[in-house]
N, C-alpha and C. Protein backbone atom coordinates (compact mmCIF):
# COMPACT_ATOMS: atom_id res chain seq x y z
N MET A 1 -116.94 31.15 87.92
CA MET A 1 -117.83 30.23 87.21
C MET A 1 -118.77 31.04 86.33
N PRO A 2 -118.83 30.76 85.03
CA PRO A 2 -119.72 31.51 84.14
C PRO A 2 -121.18 31.17 84.44
N PRO A 3 -122.08 32.12 84.17
CA PRO A 3 -123.50 31.83 84.40
C PRO A 3 -123.98 30.74 83.46
N PRO A 4 -125.03 30.01 83.85
CA PRO A 4 -125.55 28.96 82.97
C PRO A 4 -126.14 29.59 81.70
N ARG A 5 -126.16 28.80 80.66
CA ARG A 5 -126.79 29.26 79.42
C ARG A 5 -128.26 29.53 79.70
N PRO A 6 -128.84 30.56 79.10
CA PRO A 6 -130.25 30.88 79.37
C PRO A 6 -131.19 29.70 79.15
N SER A 7 -130.89 28.85 78.17
CA SER A 7 -131.78 27.71 77.93
C SER A 7 -131.80 26.75 79.12
N ASN A 8 -130.75 26.79 79.94
CA ASN A 8 -130.70 25.92 81.12
C ASN A 8 -131.18 26.62 82.39
N LEU A 9 -131.43 27.91 82.31
CA LEU A 9 -131.84 28.66 83.48
C LEU A 9 -133.27 28.31 83.85
N PRO A 10 -133.48 27.83 85.06
CA PRO A 10 -134.84 27.46 85.45
C PRO A 10 -135.77 28.67 85.53
N ILE A 11 -136.91 28.56 84.87
CA ILE A 11 -138.01 29.52 85.01
C ILE A 11 -139.12 28.74 85.70
N ARG A 12 -139.50 29.20 86.88
CA ARG A 12 -140.47 28.45 87.67
C ARG A 12 -141.54 29.39 88.22
N SER A 13 -142.61 28.81 88.71
CA SER A 13 -143.64 29.58 89.38
C SER A 13 -143.09 30.11 90.70
N ALA A 14 -143.40 31.36 90.98
CA ALA A 14 -142.96 31.96 92.24
C ALA A 14 -143.69 31.31 93.41
N ARG A 15 -143.04 31.41 94.56
CA ARG A 15 -143.63 30.95 95.82
C ARG A 15 -143.70 32.14 96.77
N SER A 16 -144.53 32.05 97.76
CA SER A 16 -144.65 33.12 98.75
C SER A 16 -143.30 33.44 99.38
N ALA A 17 -142.46 32.44 99.55
CA ALA A 17 -141.13 32.65 100.14
C ALA A 17 -140.23 33.52 99.27
N ASP A 18 -140.60 33.75 98.02
CA ASP A 18 -139.83 34.58 97.10
C ASP A 18 -140.15 36.06 97.24
N TYR A 19 -141.01 36.41 98.17
CA TYR A 19 -141.53 37.78 98.31
C TYR A 19 -140.42 38.83 98.30
N ASP A 20 -139.40 38.68 99.12
CA ASP A 20 -138.35 39.71 99.20
C ASP A 20 -137.62 39.87 97.87
N SER A 21 -137.29 38.77 97.21
CA SER A 21 -136.61 38.84 95.91
C SER A 21 -137.51 39.48 94.85
N ILE A 22 -138.79 39.16 94.89
CA ILE A 22 -139.74 39.75 93.95
C ILE A 22 -139.80 41.26 94.15
N CYS A 23 -139.89 41.68 95.41
CA CYS A 23 -139.95 43.12 95.71
C CYS A 23 -138.68 43.84 95.28
N THR A 24 -137.53 43.20 95.42
CA THR A 24 -136.27 43.82 94.99
C THR A 24 -136.29 44.07 93.48
N LEU A 25 -136.75 43.10 92.72
CA LEU A 25 -136.82 43.27 91.27
C LEU A 25 -137.86 44.30 90.88
N ILE A 26 -139.02 44.28 91.52
CA ILE A 26 -140.06 45.25 91.20
C ILE A 26 -139.58 46.66 91.54
N ALA A 27 -138.82 46.80 92.62
CA ALA A 27 -138.28 48.12 92.98
C ALA A 27 -137.35 48.63 91.88
N GLU A 28 -136.57 47.72 91.28
CA GLU A 28 -135.68 48.11 90.17
C GLU A 28 -136.51 48.59 88.98
N LEU A 29 -137.57 47.87 88.67
CA LEU A 29 -138.46 48.26 87.58
C LEU A 29 -139.15 49.59 87.89
N ASP A 30 -139.59 49.75 89.12
CA ASP A 30 -140.23 51.01 89.53
C ASP A 30 -139.27 52.20 89.38
N ARG A 31 -137.99 52.01 89.76
CA ARG A 31 -137.00 53.07 89.60
C ARG A 31 -136.87 53.47 88.13
N HIS A 32 -136.83 52.48 87.27
CA HIS A 32 -136.76 52.75 85.83
C HIS A 32 -137.95 53.60 85.38
N HIS A 33 -139.14 53.23 85.83
CA HIS A 33 -140.34 53.99 85.46
C HIS A 33 -140.28 55.43 85.99
N ARG A 34 -139.83 55.59 87.24
CA ARG A 34 -139.75 56.94 87.83
C ARG A 34 -138.76 57.83 87.07
N VAL A 35 -137.64 57.24 86.65
CA VAL A 35 -136.65 58.02 85.89
C VAL A 35 -137.20 58.36 84.50
N SER A 36 -137.84 57.42 83.88
CA SER A 36 -138.36 57.62 82.52
C SER A 36 -139.57 58.56 82.49
N ARG A 37 -140.44 58.41 83.47
CA ARG A 37 -141.69 59.20 83.48
C ARG A 37 -141.99 59.73 84.88
N PRO A 38 -141.19 60.69 85.37
CA PRO A 38 -141.43 61.22 86.70
C PRO A 38 -142.78 61.95 86.83
N ASP A 39 -143.37 62.31 85.70
CA ASP A 39 -144.67 62.96 85.72
C ASP A 39 -145.80 61.99 86.08
N ILE A 40 -145.53 60.70 85.96
CA ILE A 40 -146.56 59.69 86.25
C ILE A 40 -146.21 58.85 87.47
N PHE A 41 -144.95 58.44 87.60
CA PHE A 41 -144.55 57.49 88.64
C PHE A 41 -143.86 58.20 89.80
N ARG A 42 -144.14 57.73 91.02
CA ARG A 42 -143.53 58.31 92.22
C ARG A 42 -142.98 57.20 93.11
N GLU A 43 -142.13 57.59 94.03
CA GLU A 43 -141.53 56.66 95.00
C GLU A 43 -142.62 56.14 95.94
N PRO A 44 -142.69 54.82 96.13
CA PRO A 44 -143.70 54.30 97.06
C PRO A 44 -143.33 54.62 98.51
N ILE A 45 -144.35 54.75 99.32
CA ILE A 45 -144.15 54.89 100.76
C ILE A 45 -144.39 53.51 101.35
N GLY A 46 -143.38 52.96 101.99
CA GLY A 46 -143.50 51.60 102.53
C GLY A 46 -142.96 50.58 101.54
N PRO A 47 -143.40 49.33 101.69
CA PRO A 47 -142.88 48.28 100.81
C PRO A 47 -143.25 48.51 99.35
N THR A 48 -142.43 47.98 98.47
CA THR A 48 -142.67 48.11 97.03
C THR A 48 -144.04 47.58 96.67
N ARG A 49 -144.36 46.41 97.15
CA ARG A 49 -145.69 45.81 96.98
C ARG A 49 -146.01 45.07 98.28
N ASP A 50 -147.29 45.07 98.64
CA ASP A 50 -147.64 44.36 99.87
C ASP A 50 -147.69 42.86 99.63
N ARG A 51 -147.41 42.12 100.67
CA ARG A 51 -147.34 40.65 100.58
C ARG A 51 -148.65 40.05 100.07
N THR A 52 -149.77 40.60 100.52
CA THR A 52 -151.07 40.05 100.11
C THR A 52 -151.25 40.13 98.59
N SER A 53 -150.90 41.26 97.99
CA SER A 53 -151.09 41.37 96.54
C SER A 53 -150.14 40.45 95.78
N ILE A 54 -148.92 40.29 96.27
CA ILE A 54 -147.98 39.36 95.63
C ILE A 54 -148.49 37.93 95.78
N ASP A 55 -148.93 37.56 96.98
CA ASP A 55 -149.46 36.20 97.19
C ASP A 55 -150.68 35.93 96.31
N GLN A 56 -151.53 36.94 96.12
CA GLN A 56 -152.71 36.76 95.26
C GLN A 56 -152.30 36.54 93.81
N LEU A 57 -151.30 37.27 93.34
CA LEU A 57 -150.80 37.05 91.98
C LEU A 57 -150.23 35.66 91.81
N ILE A 58 -149.48 35.22 92.83
CA ILE A 58 -148.87 33.89 92.78
C ILE A 58 -149.94 32.80 92.79
N ALA A 59 -150.96 32.97 93.63
CA ALA A 59 -151.97 31.93 93.82
C ALA A 59 -152.90 31.77 92.63
N GLY A 60 -153.06 32.82 91.83
CA GLY A 60 -153.94 32.73 90.67
C GLY A 60 -155.40 32.60 91.07
N PRO A 61 -156.23 31.96 90.31
CA PRO A 61 -155.97 31.15 89.11
C PRO A 61 -155.82 31.96 87.83
N ASN A 62 -156.11 33.27 87.91
CA ASN A 62 -156.05 34.10 86.70
C ASN A 62 -154.76 34.93 86.61
N SER A 63 -153.77 34.54 87.37
CA SER A 63 -152.51 35.26 87.34
C SER A 63 -151.39 34.35 87.83
N THR A 64 -150.18 34.77 87.56
CA THR A 64 -149.02 34.06 88.09
C THR A 64 -147.80 34.99 88.03
N ILE A 65 -146.82 34.64 88.79
CA ILE A 65 -145.50 35.26 88.67
C ILE A 65 -144.53 34.12 88.38
N LEU A 66 -143.83 34.23 87.26
CA LEU A 66 -142.79 33.26 86.92
C LEU A 66 -141.45 33.93 87.19
N VAL A 67 -140.54 33.19 87.79
CA VAL A 67 -139.23 33.77 88.14
C VAL A 67 -138.10 32.99 87.47
N ALA A 68 -137.06 33.73 87.11
CA ALA A 68 -135.82 33.14 86.60
C ALA A 68 -134.94 32.92 87.82
N ASP A 69 -134.67 31.66 88.12
CA ASP A 69 -133.99 31.28 89.36
C ASP A 69 -132.58 30.81 89.04
N HIS A 70 -131.61 31.70 89.19
CA HIS A 70 -130.20 31.42 88.89
C HIS A 70 -129.62 30.59 90.04
N PRO A 71 -128.92 29.50 89.76
CA PRO A 71 -128.41 28.64 90.83
C PRO A 71 -127.46 29.34 91.81
N ALA A 72 -126.69 30.31 91.32
CA ALA A 72 -125.72 30.99 92.20
C ALA A 72 -126.21 32.34 92.70
N HIS A 73 -127.14 32.97 91.99
CA HIS A 73 -127.54 34.33 92.32
C HIS A 73 -128.99 34.46 92.78
N GLY A 74 -129.73 33.38 92.78
CA GLY A 74 -131.13 33.44 93.20
C GLY A 74 -132.01 33.99 92.09
N ILE A 75 -133.08 34.64 92.47
CA ILE A 75 -134.06 35.13 91.51
C ILE A 75 -133.50 36.39 90.84
N ILE A 76 -133.33 36.30 89.53
CA ILE A 76 -132.74 37.41 88.78
C ILE A 76 -133.69 37.99 87.75
N GLY A 77 -134.88 37.46 87.66
CA GLY A 77 -135.87 37.99 86.73
C GLY A 77 -137.25 37.51 87.08
N LEU A 78 -138.24 38.26 86.62
CA LEU A 78 -139.62 37.83 86.84
C LEU A 78 -140.50 38.35 85.73
N ILE A 79 -141.61 37.66 85.57
CA ILE A 79 -142.65 38.09 84.64
C ILE A 79 -143.98 37.85 85.33
N ILE A 80 -144.81 38.88 85.35
CA ILE A 80 -146.14 38.78 85.97
C ILE A 80 -147.15 38.68 84.84
N LEU A 81 -147.98 37.65 84.91
CA LEU A 81 -148.99 37.38 83.88
C LEU A 81 -150.38 37.45 84.49
N ILE A 82 -151.30 38.04 83.73
CA ILE A 82 -152.69 38.14 84.19
C ILE A 82 -153.60 37.73 83.04
N ALA A 83 -154.46 36.74 83.30
CA ALA A 83 -155.46 36.30 82.32
C ALA A 83 -156.69 37.18 82.48
N LYS A 84 -157.21 37.67 81.34
CA LYS A 84 -158.34 38.59 81.36
C LYS A 84 -159.40 38.16 80.36
N PRO A 85 -160.66 38.29 80.75
CA PRO A 85 -161.72 38.01 79.77
C PRO A 85 -161.89 39.20 78.83
N ILE A 86 -162.14 38.90 77.58
CA ILE A 86 -162.44 39.91 76.58
C ILE A 86 -163.87 39.62 76.10
N PRO A 87 -164.78 40.55 76.28
CA PRO A 87 -166.17 40.27 75.88
C PRO A 87 -166.32 40.18 74.36
N ALA A 88 -167.37 39.52 73.95
CA ALA A 88 -167.68 39.42 72.52
C ALA A 88 -168.01 40.81 71.98
N THR A 89 -167.68 40.99 70.73
CA THR A 89 -168.04 42.23 70.04
C THR A 89 -168.77 41.85 68.76
N ILE A 90 -169.10 42.82 68.00
CA ILE A 90 -169.78 42.56 66.74
C ILE A 90 -168.91 41.78 65.76
N VAL A 91 -167.58 41.84 65.97
CA VAL A 91 -166.67 41.17 65.03
C VAL A 91 -165.86 40.03 65.65
N SER A 92 -166.04 39.78 66.95
CA SER A 92 -165.26 38.69 67.56
C SER A 92 -166.03 38.03 68.70
N ASP A 93 -165.71 36.77 68.93
CA ASP A 93 -166.29 36.03 70.04
C ASP A 93 -165.61 36.42 71.35
N ALA A 94 -166.28 36.14 72.45
CA ALA A 94 -165.67 36.33 73.76
C ALA A 94 -164.46 35.40 73.87
N ARG A 95 -163.46 35.85 74.57
CA ARG A 95 -162.27 35.02 74.74
C ARG A 95 -161.51 35.50 75.97
N ARG A 96 -160.48 34.75 76.32
CA ARG A 96 -159.56 35.14 77.40
C ARG A 96 -158.19 35.35 76.79
N ILE A 97 -157.53 36.38 77.26
CA ILE A 97 -156.16 36.62 76.83
C ILE A 97 -155.27 36.62 78.07
N VAL A 98 -153.99 36.46 77.86
CA VAL A 98 -153.02 36.59 78.95
C VAL A 98 -152.14 37.78 78.61
N GLU A 99 -152.05 38.67 79.58
CA GLU A 99 -151.31 39.91 79.41
C GLU A 99 -150.05 39.88 80.26
N ILE A 100 -148.96 40.35 79.69
CA ILE A 100 -147.74 40.54 80.49
C ILE A 100 -147.91 41.86 81.22
N ASP A 101 -148.00 41.80 82.53
CA ASP A 101 -148.17 43.00 83.33
C ASP A 101 -146.82 43.65 83.63
N GLN A 102 -145.83 42.83 83.98
CA GLN A 102 -144.50 43.33 84.28
C GLN A 102 -143.47 42.29 83.86
N LEU A 103 -142.32 42.78 83.42
CA LEU A 103 -141.20 41.91 83.03
C LEU A 103 -139.92 42.63 83.41
N ILE A 104 -139.06 41.95 84.15
CA ILE A 104 -137.80 42.55 84.58
C ILE A 104 -136.73 41.48 84.70
N VAL A 105 -135.53 41.84 84.28
CA VAL A 105 -134.33 41.05 84.54
C VAL A 105 -133.37 41.98 85.27
N ALA A 106 -132.77 41.50 86.34
CA ALA A 106 -131.84 42.32 87.11
C ALA A 106 -130.75 42.86 86.20
N THR A 107 -130.38 44.10 86.43
CA THR A 107 -129.41 44.79 85.58
C THR A 107 -128.15 43.97 85.32
N ALA A 108 -127.61 43.36 86.35
CA ALA A 108 -126.36 42.59 86.22
C ALA A 108 -126.49 41.35 85.34
N HIS A 109 -127.71 40.96 85.02
CA HIS A 109 -127.92 39.71 84.27
C HIS A 109 -128.57 39.93 82.91
N ARG A 110 -128.62 41.15 82.46
CA ARG A 110 -129.24 41.43 81.17
C ARG A 110 -128.32 41.03 80.02
N ARG A 111 -128.91 40.96 78.84
CA ARG A 111 -128.20 40.60 77.60
C ARG A 111 -127.72 39.14 77.61
N GLN A 112 -128.50 38.30 78.28
CA GLN A 112 -128.19 36.87 78.33
C GLN A 112 -129.38 36.02 77.88
N ALA A 113 -130.36 36.65 77.26
CA ALA A 113 -131.57 36.00 76.75
C ALA A 113 -132.46 35.46 77.87
N ILE A 114 -132.34 36.03 79.07
CA ILE A 114 -133.18 35.60 80.18
C ILE A 114 -134.63 36.03 79.96
N ALA A 115 -134.83 37.26 79.50
CA ALA A 115 -136.20 37.71 79.21
C ALA A 115 -136.83 36.83 78.13
N GLN A 116 -136.03 36.41 77.17
CA GLN A 116 -136.53 35.52 76.13
C GLN A 116 -137.00 34.19 76.74
N ALA A 117 -136.24 33.66 77.68
CA ALA A 117 -136.64 32.43 78.36
C ALA A 117 -137.92 32.64 79.17
N GLN A 118 -138.03 33.82 79.78
CA GLN A 118 -139.25 34.13 80.55
C GLN A 118 -140.47 34.22 79.63
N ILE A 119 -140.30 34.84 78.47
CA ILE A 119 -141.39 34.95 77.49
C ILE A 119 -141.81 33.55 77.02
N HIS A 120 -140.83 32.69 76.79
CA HIS A 120 -141.14 31.32 76.37
C HIS A 120 -141.97 30.61 77.45
N ALA A 121 -141.58 30.73 78.71
CA ALA A 121 -142.33 30.12 79.81
C ALA A 121 -143.72 30.76 79.93
N ALA A 122 -143.80 32.06 79.70
CA ALA A 122 -145.09 32.76 79.77
C ALA A 122 -146.03 32.26 78.68
N THR A 123 -145.48 32.01 77.50
CA THR A 123 -146.28 31.50 76.40
C THR A 123 -146.88 30.14 76.75
N ALA A 124 -146.09 29.30 77.39
CA ALA A 124 -146.60 27.98 77.81
C ALA A 124 -147.70 28.14 78.86
N TRP A 125 -147.51 29.05 79.82
CA TRP A 125 -148.54 29.29 80.84
C TRP A 125 -149.81 29.82 80.19
N ALA A 126 -149.64 30.76 79.25
CA ALA A 126 -150.78 31.36 78.58
C ALA A 126 -151.58 30.33 77.78
N ALA A 127 -150.91 29.38 77.18
CA ALA A 127 -151.59 28.35 76.41
C ALA A 127 -152.56 27.56 77.28
N GLN A 128 -152.27 27.46 78.57
CA GLN A 128 -153.15 26.74 79.48
C GLN A 128 -154.25 27.62 80.08
N HIS A 129 -154.09 28.95 80.00
CA HIS A 129 -154.99 29.84 80.73
C HIS A 129 -155.77 30.81 79.85
N ALA A 130 -155.60 30.74 78.56
CA ALA A 130 -156.35 31.60 77.64
C ALA A 130 -157.04 30.72 76.62
N ASN A 131 -157.91 31.33 75.85
CA ASN A 131 -158.57 30.59 74.77
C ASN A 131 -158.82 31.49 73.59
């Protein structure tokens, strides 16, 4: 059975029950960073990320994790978003921005516009959480 078209792939808010799948994807991203920049990144001791920090990102209100949930393969991508205040300066008013902290699509599912779908969902989330 071919994978669903990316436009049909559900991008949803992560739940605490997604912890193991989230950690698997983050571990893949961490490996990429270690290979690319071994002078900065090192292998974690213990879990990739602790449950409390993942649950805090999920719970928000100034952050979220959105996941690409493939019907046959489970969670195959994620994007972590963090809303941040930017103070006023001499040339701009104070505002809030939403930053993409991490973005990953599982290796086996790349080149299917999944990251594009995640960015689209992130844009919608950001519209509600930034100004």
